[in-house]
Amino acid sequence: MLLLALSLTYSAYTLLCLSMPKHYRHVTGAAADHRRSRRLFRVGGWLLIALSFASCVQAAGWQFGPVQWVGLLAAAGVLLVFLLPYKPKTAAGLAVVAPLGALLVYWI
């Protein structure tokens, strides 16, 4: 369950990052002109952060879940900060593949 929460947090940070025109241009090579798409990235990012919090609380309860969640926030942030400048397309692809892989591992 923690792998799922980590991947959701990483995907959330990636969506929040892509909601900024500078980072969107860096990853895709195209300008983000539409406010609507930026808003969708932002809302999606915050929803994924809420899901990662719920995943941590479900896995560890209210006593340790929020503490684990804060640690996962830091770990996902460090991963994105180190990956985005050097491999931006890989960072965006990982945001899509990681939650799917975590769900697959969780269900198997």
PDB file of N, CA and C in Angstrom:
ATOM      1  N   MET A   1       0.823  -1.190   0.000  1.00  0.00           N
ATOM      2  CA  MET A   1       0.000   0.000   0.000  1.00  0.00           C
ATOM      3  C   MET A   1       0.870   1.257   0.000  1.00  0.00           C
ATOM      4  N   LEU A   2       2.046   1.164   0.592  1.00  0.00           N
ATOM      5  CA  LEU A   2       2.931   2.331   0.598  1.00  0.00           C
ATOM      6  C   LEU A   2       3.492   2.618  -0.787  1.00  0.00           C
ATOM      7  N   LEU A   3       3.726   1.574  -1.572  1.00  0.00           N
ATOM      8  CA  LEU A   3       4.190   1.780  -2.943  1.00  0.00           C
ATOM      9  C   LEU A   3       3.123   2.508  -3.754  1.00  0.00           C
ATOM     10  N   LEU A   4       1.872   2.172  -3.530  1.00  0.00           N
ATOM     11  CA  LEU A   4       0.780   2.866  -4.205  1.00  0.00           C
ATOM     12  C   LEU A   4       0.727   4.329  -3.768  1.00  0.00           C
ATOM     13  N   ALA A   5       0.865   4.578  -2.485  1.00  0.00           N
ATOM     14  CA  ALA A   5       0.836   5.955  -1.995  1.00  0.00           C
ATOM     15  C   ALA A   5       2.013   6.759  -2.543  1.00  0.00           C
ATOM     16  N   LEU A   6       3.184   6.136  -2.615  1.00  0.00           N
ATOM     17  CA  LEU A   6       4.355   6.830  -3.175  1.00  0.00           C
ATOM     18  C   LEU A   6       4.141   7.155  -4.643  1.00  0.00           C
ATOM     19  N   SER A   7       3.627   6.209  -5.399  1.00  0.00           N
ATOM     20  CA  SER A   7       3.414   6.464  -6.821  1.00  0.00           C
ATOM     21  C   SER A   7       2.319   7.506  -7.047  1.00  0.00           C
ATOM     22  N   LEU A   8       1.291   7.500  -6.228  1.00  0.00           N
ATOM     23  CA  LEU A   8       0.258   8.528  -6.335  1.00  0.00           C
ATOM     24  C   LEU A   8       0.809   9.907  -6.000  1.00  0.00           C
ATOM     25  N   THR A   9       1.652   9.964  -4.998  1.00  0.00           N
ATOM     26  CA  THR A   9       2.257  11.238  -4.622  1.00  0.00           C
ATOM     27  C   THR A   9       3.176  11.750  -5.719  1.00  0.00           C
ATOM     28  N   TYR A  10       3.966  10.861  -6.303  1.00  0.00           N
ATOM     29  CA  TYR A  10       4.838  11.262  -7.401  1.00  0.00           C
ATOM     30  C   TYR A  10       4.022  11.763  -8.585  1.00  0.00           C
ATOM     31  N   SER A  11       2.942  11.055  -8.916  1.00  0.00           N
ATOM     32  CA  SER A  11       2.081  11.488 -10.015  1.00  0.00           C
ATOM     33  C   SER A  11       1.415  12.827  -9.705  1.00  0.00           C
ATOM     34  N   ALA A  12       1.038  13.017  -8.461  1.00  0.00           N
ATOM     35  CA  ALA A  12       0.433  14.286  -8.065  1.00  0.00           C
ATOM     36  C   ALA A  12       1.427  15.430  -8.225  1.00  0.00           C
ATOM     37  N   TYR A  13       2.637  15.234  -7.770  1.00  0.00           N
ATOM     38  CA  TYR A  13       3.654  16.269  -7.931  1.00  0.00           C
ATOM     39  C   TYR A  13       3.936  16.547  -9.403  1.00  0.00           C
ATOM     40  N   THR A  14       3.917  15.516 -10.222  1.00  0.00           N
ATOM     41  CA  THR A  14       4.147  15.709 -11.647  1.00  0.00           C
ATOM     42  C   THR A  14       3.017  16.518 -12.265  1.00  0.00           C
ATOM     43  N   LEU A  15       1.782  16.214 -11.900  1.00  0.00           N
ATOM     44  CA  LEU A  15       0.659  16.998 -12.412  1.00  0.00           C
ATOM     45  C   LEU A  15       0.732  18.445 -11.945  1.00  0.00           C
ATOM     46  N   LEU A  16       1.079  18.651 -10.680  1.00  0.00           N
ATOM     47  CA  LEU A  16       1.216  20.021 -10.188  1.00  0.00           C
ATOM     48  C   LEU A  16       2.349  20.747 -10.902  1.00  0.00           C
ATOM     49  N   CYS A  17       3.400  20.019 -11.217  1.00  0.00           N
ATOM     50  CA  CYS A  17       4.515  20.593 -11.952  1.00  0.00           C
ATOM     51  C   CYS A  17       4.094  20.963 -13.372  1.00  0.00           C
ATOM     52  N   LEU A  18       3.332  20.095 -14.015  1.00  0.00           N
ATOM     53  CA  LEU A  18       2.881  20.361 -15.381  1.00  0.00           C
ATOM     54  C   LEU A  18       1.837  21.465 -15.447  1.00  0.00           C
ATOM     55  N   SER A  19       1.257  21.839 -14.328  1.00  0.00           N
ATOM     56  CA  SER A  19       0.307  22.944 -14.334  1.00  0.00           C
ATOM     57  C   SER A  19       1.014  24.296 -14.466  1.00  0.00           C
ATOM     58  N   MET A  20       2.326  24.296 -14.324  1.00  0.00           N
ATOM     59  CA  MET A  20       3.104  25.522 -14.514  1.00  0.00           C
ATOM     60  C   MET A  20       3.604  25.589 -15.959  1.00  0.00           C
ATOM     61  N   PRO A  21       3.399  26.724 -16.626  1.00  0.00           N
ATOM     62  CA  PRO A  21       3.772  26.818 -18.045  1.00  0.00           C
ATOM     63  C   PRO A  21       5.246  26.511 -18.320  1.00  0.00           C
ATOM     64  N   LYS A  22       6.135  26.919 -17.454  1.00  0.00           N
ATOM     65  CA  LYS A  22       7.567  26.673 -17.661  1.00  0.00           C
ATOM     66  C   LYS A  22       7.876  25.175 -17.704  1.00  0.00           C
ATOM     67  N   HIS A  23       7.360  24.446 -16.741  1.00  0.00           N
ATOM     68  CA  HIS A  23       7.631  23.016 -16.680  1.00  0.00           C
ATOM     69  C   HIS A  23       6.889  22.260 -17.782  1.00  0.00           C
ATOM     70  N   TYR A  24       5.689  22.705 -18.127  1.00  0.00           N
ATOM     71  CA  TYR A  24       4.951  22.074 -19.216  1.00  0.00           C
ATOM     72  C   TYR A  24       5.731  22.203 -20.519  1.00  0.00           C
ATOM     73  N   ARG A  25       6.265  23.384 -20.765  1.00  0.00           N
ATOM     74  CA  ARG A  25       7.060  23.609 -21.968  1.00  0.00           C
ATOM     75  C   ARG A  25       8.332  22.772 -21.941  1.00  0.00           C
ATOM     76  N   HIS A  26       8.929  22.628 -20.778  1.00  0.00           N
ATOM     77  CA  HIS A  26      10.159  21.844 -20.647  1.00  0.00           C
ATOM     78  C   HIS A  26       9.910  20.363 -20.939  1.00  0.00           C
ATOM     79  N   VAL A  27       8.777  19.842 -20.496  1.00  0.00           N
ATOM     80  CA  VAL A  27       8.480  18.421 -20.676  1.00  0.00           C
ATOM     81  C   VAL A  27       7.971  18.130 -22.083  1.00  0.00           C
ATOM     82  N   THR A  28       7.035  18.946 -22.575  1.00  0.00           N
ATOM     83  CA  THR A  28       6.390  18.640 -23.847  1.00  0.00           C
ATOM     84  C   THR A  28       7.001  19.361 -25.037  1.00  0.00           C
ATOM     85  N   GLY A  29       7.646  20.470 -24.810  1.00  0.00           N
ATOM     86  CA  GLY A  29       8.186  21.261 -25.907  1.00  0.00           C
ATOM     87  C   GLY A  29       7.174  22.220 -26.495  1.00  0.00           C
ATOM     88  N   ALA A  30       5.941  22.179 -26.035  1.00  0.00           N
ATOM     89  CA  ALA A  30       4.890  23.069 -26.519  1.00  0.00           C
ATOM     90  C   ALA A  30       4.466  24.017 -25.406  1.00  0.00           C
ATOM     91  N   ALA A  31       3.951  25.155 -25.814  1.00  0.00           N
ATOM     92  CA  ALA A  31       3.492  26.135 -24.833  1.00  0.00           C
ATOM     93  C   ALA A  31       2.112  25.748 -24.311  1.00  0.00           C
ATOM     94  N   ALA A  32       1.901  25.938 -23.035  1.00  0.00           N
ATOM     95  CA  ALA A  32       0.598  25.683 -22.412  1.00  0.00           C
ATOM     96  C   ALA A  32      -0.174  26.989 -22.401  1.00  0.00           C
ATOM     97  N   ASP A  33      -1.059  27.153 -23.348  1.00  0.00           N
ATOM     98  CA  ASP A  33      -1.801  28.402 -23.478  1.00  0.00           C
ATOM     99  C   ASP A  33      -3.107  28.402 -22.710  1.00  0.00           C
ATOM    100  N   HIS A  34      -3.656  27.254 -22.507  1.00  0.00           N
ATOM    101  CA  HIS A  34      -5.002  27.176 -21.970  1.00  0.00           C
ATOM    102  C   HIS A  34      -4.993  27.137 -20.452  1.00  0.00           C
ATOM    103  N   ARG A  35      -5.780  28.007 -19.868  1.00  0.00           N
ATOM    104  CA  ARG A  35      -5.918  28.009 -18.414  1.00  0.00           C
ATOM    105  C   ARG A  35      -6.679  26.781 -17.942  1.00  0.00           C
ATOM    106  N   ARG A  36      -7.562  26.304 -18.804  1.00  0.00           N
ATOM    107  CA  ARG A  36      -8.375  25.153 -18.417  1.00  0.00           C
ATOM    108  C   ARG A  36      -7.511  23.911 -18.212  1.00  0.00           C
ATOM    109  N   SER A  37      -6.566  23.662 -19.114  1.00  0.00           N
ATOM    110  CA  SER A  37      -5.708  22.487 -18.948  1.00  0.00           C
ATOM    111  C   SER A  37      -4.822  22.628 -17.722  1.00  0.00           C
ATOM    112  N   ARG A  38      -4.348  23.839 -17.457  1.00  0.00           N
ATOM    113  CA  ARG A  38      -3.536  24.035 -16.251  1.00  0.00           C
ATOM    114  C   ARG A  38      -4.369  23.802 -15.002  1.00  0.00           C
ATOM    115  N   ARG A  39      -5.621  24.228 -15.036  1.00  0.00           N
ATOM    116  CA  ARG A  39      -6.500  24.016 -13.885  1.00  0.00           C
ATOM    117  C   ARG A  39      -6.786  22.529 -13.690  1.00  0.00           C
ATOM    118  N   LEU A  40      -6.977  21.797 -14.787  1.00  0.00           N
ATOM    119  CA  LEU A  40      -7.204  20.355 -14.678  1.00  0.00           C
ATOM    120  C   LEU A  40      -5.989  19.640 -14.095  1.00  0.00           C
ATOM    121  N   PHE A  41      -4.786  20.041 -14.516  1.00  0.00           N
ATOM    122  CA  PHE A  41      -3.574  19.463 -13.934  1.00  0.00           C
ATOM    123  C   PHE A  41      -3.507  19.754 -12.438  1.00  0.00           C
ATOM    124  N   ARG A  42      -3.843  20.973 -12.061  1.00  0.00           N
ATOM    125  CA  ARG A  42      -3.774  21.357 -10.649  1.00  0.00           C
ATOM    126  C   ARG A  42      -4.787  20.583  -9.818  1.00  0.00           C
ATOM    127  N   VAL A  43      -6.024  20.507 -10.291  1.00  0.00           N
ATOM    128  CA  VAL A  43      -7.066  19.783  -9.551  1.00  0.00           C
ATOM    129  C   VAL A  43      -6.728  18.293  -9.476  1.00  0.00           C
ATOM    130  N   GLY A  44      -6.256  17.732 -10.586  1.00  0.00           N
ATOM    131  CA  GLY A  44      -5.857  16.327 -10.577  1.00  0.00           C
ATOM    132  C   GLY A  44      -4.719  16.054  -9.614  1.00  0.00           C
ATOM    133  N   GLY A  45      -3.770  16.965  -9.543  1.00  0.00           N
ATOM    134  CA  GLY A  45      -2.658  16.803  -8.610  1.00  0.00           C
ATOM    135  C   GLY A  45      -3.124  16.796  -7.159  1.00  0.00           C
ATOM    136  N   TRP A  46      -4.015  17.721  -6.831  1.00  0.00           N
ATOM    137  CA  TRP A  46      -4.500  17.761  -5.451  1.00  0.00           C
ATOM    138  C   TRP A  46      -5.376  16.553  -5.121  1.00  0.00           C
ATOM    139  N   LEU A  47      -6.123  16.070  -6.089  1.00  0.00           N
ATOM    140  CA  LEU A  47      -6.911  14.857  -5.847  1.00  0.00           C
ATOM    141  C   LEU A  47      -6.017  13.641  -5.611  1.00  0.00           C
ATOM    142  N   LEU A  48      -4.933  13.546  -6.364  1.00  0.00           N
ATOM    143  CA  LEU A  48      -4.005  12.436  -6.148  1.00  0.00           C
ATOM    144  C   LEU A  48      -3.296  12.540  -4.802  1.00  0.00           C
ATOM    145  N   ILE A  49      -3.012  13.753  -4.361  1.00  0.00           N
ATOM    146  CA  ILE A  49      -2.422  13.916  -3.026  1.00  0.00           C
ATOM    147  C   ILE A  49      -3.410  13.451  -1.955  1.00  0.00           C
ATOM    148  N   ALA A  50      -4.682  13.784  -2.132  1.00  0.00           N
ATOM    149  CA  ALA A  50      -5.694  13.321  -1.174  1.00  0.00           C
ATOM    150  C   ALA A  50      -5.810  11.795  -1.194  1.00  0.00           C
ATOM    151  N   LEU A  51      -5.738  11.201  -2.383  1.00  0.00           N
ATOM    152  CA  LEU A  51      -5.789   9.732  -2.476  1.00  0.00           C
ATOM    153  C   LEU A  51      -4.575   9.083  -1.827  1.00  0.00           C
ATOM    154  N   SER A  52      -3.418   9.711  -1.974  1.00  0.00           N
ATOM    155  CA  SER A  52      -2.227   9.139  -1.338  1.00  0.00           C
ATOM    156  C   SER A  52      -2.336   9.225   0.183  1.00  0.00           C
ATOM    157  N   PHE A  53      -2.926  10.306   0.679  1.00  0.00           N
ATOM    158  CA  PHE A  53      -3.140  10.420   2.122  1.00  0.00           C
ATOM    159  C   PHE A  53      -4.094   9.329   2.608  1.00  0.00           C
ATOM    160  N   ALA A  54      -5.175   9.131   1.862  1.00  0.00           N
ATOM    161  CA  ALA A  54      -6.135   8.093   2.239  1.00  0.00           C
ATOM    162  C   ALA A  54      -5.496   6.714   2.193  1.00  0.00           C
ATOM    163  N   SER A  55      -4.628   6.490   1.227  1.00  0.00           N
ATOM    164  CA  SER A  55      -3.938   5.207   1.126  1.00  0.00           C
ATOM    165  C   SER A  55      -3.028   4.967   2.324  1.00  0.00           C
ATOM    166  N   CYS A  56      -2.318   5.991   2.752  1.00  0.00           N
ATOM    167  CA  CYS A  56      -1.439   5.850   3.922  1.00  0.00           C
ATOM    168  C   CYS A  56      -2.238   5.615   5.196  1.00  0.00           C
ATOM    169  N   VAL A  57      -3.337   6.333   5.346  1.00  0.00           N
ATOM    170  CA  VAL A  57      -4.159   6.159   6.543  1.00  0.00           C
ATOM    171  C   VAL A  57      -4.794   4.772   6.546  1.00  0.00           C
ATOM    172  N   GLN A  58      -5.196   4.290   5.391  1.00  0.00           N
ATOM    173  CA  GLN A  58      -5.773   2.942   5.330  1.00  0.00           C
ATOM    174  C   GLN A  58      -4.722   1.886   5.648  1.00  0.00           C
ATOM    175  N   ALA A  59      -3.496   2.109   5.216  1.00  0.00           N
ATOM    176  CA  ALA A  59      -2.448   1.112   5.432  1.00  0.00           C
ATOM    177  C   ALA A  59      -1.949   1.094   6.873  1.00  0.00           C
ATOM    178  N   ALA A  60      -1.797   2.267   7.480  1.00  0.00           N
ATOM    179  CA  ALA A  60      -1.153   2.327   8.793  1.00  0.00           C
ATOM    180  C   ALA A  60      -2.030   2.903   9.894  1.00  0.00           C
ATOM    181  N   GLY A  61      -3.238   3.282   9.585  1.00  0.00           N
ATOM    182  CA  GLY A  61      -4.119   3.852  10.602  1.00  0.00           C
ATOM    183  C   GLY A  61      -3.828   5.323  10.833  1.00  0.00           C
ATOM    184  N   TRP A  62      -4.641   5.915  11.699  1.00  0.00           N
ATOM    185  CA  TRP A  62      -4.503   7.349  11.965  1.00  0.00           C
ATOM    186  C   TRP A  62      -3.290   7.674  12.817  1.00  0.00           C
ATOM    187  N   GLN A  63      -2.716   6.693  13.477  1.00  0.00           N
ATOM    188  CA  GLN A  63      -1.563   6.979  14.325  1.00  0.00           C
ATOM    189  C   GLN A  63      -0.297   7.173  13.510  1.00  0.00           C
ATOM    190  N   PHE A  64      -0.051   6.306  12.531  1.00  0.00           N
ATOM    191  CA  PHE A  64       1.194   6.365  11.775  1.00  0.00           C
ATOM    192  C   PHE A  64       1.002   6.743  10.313  1.00  0.00           C
ATOM    193  N   GLY A  65      -0.206   6.679   9.814  1.00  0.00           N
ATOM    194  CA  GLY A  65      -0.470   6.988   8.415  1.00  0.00           C
ATOM    195  C   GLY A  65      -0.054   8.394   7.996  1.00  0.00           C
ATOM    196  N   PRO A  66      -0.446   9.429   8.745  1.00  0.00           N
ATOM    197  CA  PRO A  66      -0.022  10.778   8.360  1.00  0.00           C
ATOM    198  C   PRO A  66       1.496  10.975   8.410  1.00  0.00           C
ATOM    199  N   VAL A  67       2.154  10.301   9.328  1.00  0.00           N
ATOM    200  CA  VAL A  67       3.613  10.407   9.415  1.00  0.00           C
ATOM    201  C   VAL A  67       4.259   9.761   8.193  1.00  0.00           C
ATOM    202  N   GLN A  68       3.768   8.594   7.810  1.00  0.00           N
ATOM    203  CA  GLN A  68       4.279   7.943   6.610  1.00  0.00           C
ATOM    204  C   GLN A  68       3.992   8.782   5.371  1.00  0.00           C
ATOM    205  N   TRP A  69       2.849   9.422   5.345  1.00  0.00           N
ATOM    206  CA  TRP A  69       2.470  10.244   4.203  1.00  0.00           C
ATOM    207  C   TRP A  69       3.423  11.427   4.032  1.00  0.00           C
ATOM    208  N   VAL A  70       3.773  12.064   5.123  1.00  0.00           N
ATOM    209  CA  VAL A  70       4.715  13.182   5.049  1.00  0.00           C
ATOM    210  C   VAL A  70       6.077  12.697   4.537  1.00  0.00           C
ATOM    211  N   GLY A  71       6.508  11.533   4.981  1.00  0.00           N
ATOM    212  CA  GLY A  71       7.757  10.970   4.478  1.00  0.00           C
ATOM    213  C   GLY A  71       7.687  10.658   2.992  1.00  0.00           C
ATOM    214  N   LEU A  72       6.542  10.142   2.540  1.00  0.00           N
ATOM    215  CA  LEU A  72       6.365   9.853   1.123  1.00  0.00           C
ATOM    216  C   LEU A  72       6.288  11.130   0.293  1.00  0.00           C
ATOM    217  N   LEU A  73       5.714  12.188   0.858  1.00  0.00           N
ATOM    218  CA  LEU A  73       5.720  13.481   0.167  1.00  0.00           C
ATOM    219  C   LEU A  73       7.141  13.943  -0.094  1.00  0.00           C
ATOM    220  N   ALA A  74       7.985  13.812   0.915  1.00  0.00           N
ATOM    221  CA  ALA A  74       9.379  14.220   0.756  1.00  0.00           C
ATOM    222  C   ALA A  74      10.111  13.334  -0.248  1.00  0.00           C
ATOM    223  N   ALA A  75       9.899  12.029  -0.174  1.00  0.00           N
ATOM    224  CA  ALA A  75      10.588  11.107  -1.080  1.00  0.00           C
ATOM    225  C   ALA A  75      10.176  11.335  -2.530  1.00  0.00           C
ATOM    226  N   ALA A  76       8.895  11.513  -2.770  1.00  0.00           N
ATOM    227  CA  ALA A  76       8.415  11.751  -4.133  1.00  0.00           C
ATOM    228  C   ALA A  76       8.916  13.095  -4.653  1.00  0.00           C
ATOM    229  N   GLY A  77       8.961  14.079  -3.793  1.00  0.00           N
ATOM    230  CA  GLY A  77       9.471  15.388  -4.205  1.00  0.00           C
ATOM    231  C   GLY A  77      10.935  15.335  -4.586  1.00  0.00           C
ATOM    232  N   VAL A  78      11.723  14.633  -3.809  1.00  0.00           N
ATOM    233  CA  VAL A  78      13.151  14.499  -4.122  1.00  0.00           C
ATOM    234  C   VAL A  78      13.335  13.744  -5.432  1.00  0.00           C
ATOM    235  N   LEU A  79      12.571  12.691  -5.638  1.00  0.00           N
ATOM    236  CA  LEU A  79      12.665  11.927  -6.879  1.00  0.00           C
ATOM    237  C   LEU A  79      12.341  12.799  -8.089  1.00  0.00           C
ATOM    238  N   LEU A  80      11.286  13.586  -7.999  1.00  0.00           N
ATOM    239  CA  LEU A  80      10.905  14.446  -9.118  1.00  0.00           C
ATOM    240  C   LEU A  80      11.919  15.559  -9.339  1.00  0.00           C
ATOM    241  N   VAL A  81      12.428  16.131  -8.282  1.00  0.00           N
ATOM    242  CA  VAL A  81      13.407  17.219  -8.407  1.00  0.00           C
ATOM    243  C   VAL A  81      14.683  16.733  -9.073  1.00  0.00           C
ATOM    244  N   PHE A  82      15.105  15.528  -8.770  1.00  0.00           N
ATOM    245  CA  PHE A  82      16.327  15.019  -9.390  1.00  0.00           C
ATOM    246  C   PHE A  82      16.095  14.456 -10.791  1.00  0.00           C
ATOM    247  N   LEU A  83      14.903  13.999 -11.084  1.00  0.00           N
ATOM    248  CA  LEU A  83      14.640  13.388 -12.383  1.00  0.00           C
ATOM    249  C   LEU A  83      14.208  14.400 -13.445  1.00  0.00           C
ATOM    250  N   LEU A  84      13.446  15.404 -13.073  1.00  0.00           N
ATOM    251  CA  LEU A  84      12.868  16.325 -14.044  1.00  0.00           C
ATOM    252  C   LEU A  84      13.888  17.128 -14.854  1.00  0.00           C
ATOM    253  N   PRO A  85      14.944  17.667 -14.282  1.00  0.00           N
ATOM    254  CA  PRO A  85      15.859  18.457 -15.109  1.00  0.00           C
ATOM    255  C   PRO A  85      16.631  17.632 -16.134  1.00  0.00           C
ATOM    256  N   TYR A  86      16.886  16.374 -15.839  1.00  0.00           N
ATOM    257  CA  TYR A  86      17.737  15.571 -16.711  1.00  0.00           C
ATOM    258  C   TYR A  86      16.948  14.710 -17.692  1.00  0.00           C
ATOM    259  N   LYS A  87      15.841  14.174 -17.274  1.00  0.00           N
ATOM    260  CA  LYS A  87      15.012  13.295 -18.110  1.00  0.00           C
ATOM    261  C   LYS A  87      13.538  13.702 -17.977  1.00  0.00           C
ATOM    262  N   PRO A  88      13.129  14.819 -18.567  1.00  0.00           N
ATOM    263  CA  PRO A  88      11.753  15.287 -18.347  1.00  0.00           C
ATOM    264  C   PRO A  88      10.683  14.353 -18.904  1.00  0.00           C
ATOM    265  N   LYS A  89      10.924  13.756 -20.046  1.00  0.00           N
ATOM    266  CA  LYS A  89       9.923  12.852 -20.616  1.00  0.00           C
ATOM    267  C   LYS A  89       9.821  11.554 -19.808  1.00  0.00           C
ATOM    268  N   THR A  90      10.941  11.104 -19.276  1.00  0.00           N
ATOM    269  CA  THR A  90      10.927   9.931 -18.405  1.00  0.00           C
ATOM    270  C   THR A  90      10.173  10.234 -17.112  1.00  0.00           C
ATOM    271  N   ALA A  91      10.376  11.432 -16.582  1.00  0.00           N
ATOM    272  CA  ALA A  91       9.681  11.823 -15.356  1.00  0.00           C
ATOM    273  C   ALA A  91       8.173  11.841 -15.572  1.00  0.00           C
ATOM    274  N   ALA A  92       7.726  12.354 -16.708  1.00  0.00           N
ATOM    275  CA  ALA A  92       6.293  12.387 -17.000  1.00  0.00           C
ATOM    276  C   ALA A  92       5.758  10.981 -17.264  1.00  0.00           C
ATOM    277  N   GLY A  93       6.523  10.160 -17.951  1.00  0.00           N
ATOM    278  CA  GLY A  93       6.088   8.792 -18.211  1.00  0.00           C
ATOM    279  C   GLY A  93       5.990   7.963 -16.944  1.00  0.00           C
ATOM    280  N   LEU A  94       6.931   8.183 -16.042  1.00  0.00           N
ATOM    281  CA  LEU A  94       6.899   7.466 -14.769  1.00  0.00           C
ATOM    282  C   LEU A  94       5.658   7.830 -13.959  1.00  0.00           C
ATOM    283  N   ALA A  95       5.197   9.051 -14.114  1.00  0.00           N
ATOM    284  CA  ALA A  95       3.992   9.476 -13.395  1.00  0.00           C
ATOM    285  C   ALA A  95       2.762   8.718 -13.867  1.00  0.00           C
ATOM    286  N   VAL A  96       2.783   8.251 -15.096  1.00  0.00           N
ATOM    287  CA  VAL A  96       1.655   7.480 -15.619  1.00  0.00           C
ATOM    288  C   VAL A  96       1.805   6.006 -15.272  1.00  0.00           C
ATOM    289  N   VAL A  97       3.013   5.481 -15.424  1.00  0.00           N
ATOM    290  CA  VAL A  97       3.249   4.046 -15.268  1.00  0.00           C
ATOM    291  C   VAL A  97       3.309   3.619 -13.799  1.00  0.00           C
ATOM    292  N   ALA A  98       3.849   4.452 -12.939  1.00  0.00           N
ATOM    293  CA  ALA A  98       4.065   4.059 -11.539  1.00  0.00           C
ATOM    294  C   ALA A  98       2.775   3.684 -10.808  1.00  0.00           C
ATOM    295  N   PRO A  99       1.702   4.480 -10.873  1.00  0.00           N
ATOM    296  CA  PRO A  99       0.480   4.045 -10.169  1.00  0.00           C
ATOM    297  C   PRO A  99      -0.107   2.762 -10.737  1.00  0.00           C
ATOM    298  N   LEU A 100      -0.014   2.601 -12.049  1.00  0.00           N
ATOM    299  CA  LEU A 100      -0.536   1.365 -12.645  1.00  0.00           C
ATOM    300  C   LEU A 100       0.260   0.155 -12.182  1.00  0.00           C
ATOM    301  N   GLY A 101       1.579   0.295 -12.143  1.00  0.00           N
ATOM    302  CA  GLY A 101       2.426  -0.785 -11.643  1.00  0.00           C
ATOM    303  C   GLY A 101       2.177  -1.074 -10.178  1.00  0.00           C
ATOM    304  N   ALA A 102       1.981  -0.030  -9.384  1.00  0.00           N
ATOM    305  CA  ALA A 102       1.717  -0.228  -7.959  1.00  0.00           C
ATOM    306  C   ALA A 102       0.386  -0.934  -7.738  1.00  0.00           C
ATOM    307  N   LEU A 103      -0.618  -0.584  -8.526  1.00  0.00           N
ATOM    308  CA  LEU A 103      -1.907  -1.281  -8.423  1.00  0.00           C
ATOM    309  C   LEU A 103      -1.770  -2.738  -8.823  1.00  0.00           C
ATOM    310  N   LEU A 104      -0.996  -2.991  -9.844  1.00  0.00           N
ATOM    311  CA  LEU A 104      -0.776  -4.362 -10.283  1.00  0.00           C
ATOM    312  C   LEU A 104      -0.061  -5.176  -9.193  1.00  0.00           C
ATOM    313  N   VAL A 105       0.946  -4.596  -8.580  1.00  0.00           N
ATOM    314  CA  VAL A 105       1.663  -5.283  -7.494  1.00  0.00           C
ATOM    315  C   VAL A 105       0.740  -5.502  -6.298  1.00  0.00           C
ATOM    316  N   TYR A 106      -0.090  -4.519  -6.007  1.00  0.00           N
ATOM    317  CA  TYR A 106      -0.998  -4.621  -4.860  1.00  0.00           C
ATOM    318  C   TYR A 106      -2.041  -5.720  -5.065  1.00  0.00           C
ATOM    319  N   TRP A 107      -2.551  -5.856  -6.283  1.00  0.00           N
ATOM    320  CA  TRP A 107      -3.591  -6.842  -6.527  1.00  0.00           C
ATOM    321  C   TRP A 107      -3.049  -8.249  -6.732  1.00  0.00           C
ATOM    322  N   ILE A 108      -1.773  -8.380  -7.013  1.00  0.00           N
ATOM    323  CA  ILE A 108      -1.210  -9.723  -7.228  1.00  0.00           C
ATOM    324  C   ILE A 108      -0.756 -10.299  -5.941  1.00  0.00           C
TER     325      ILE A 108
END
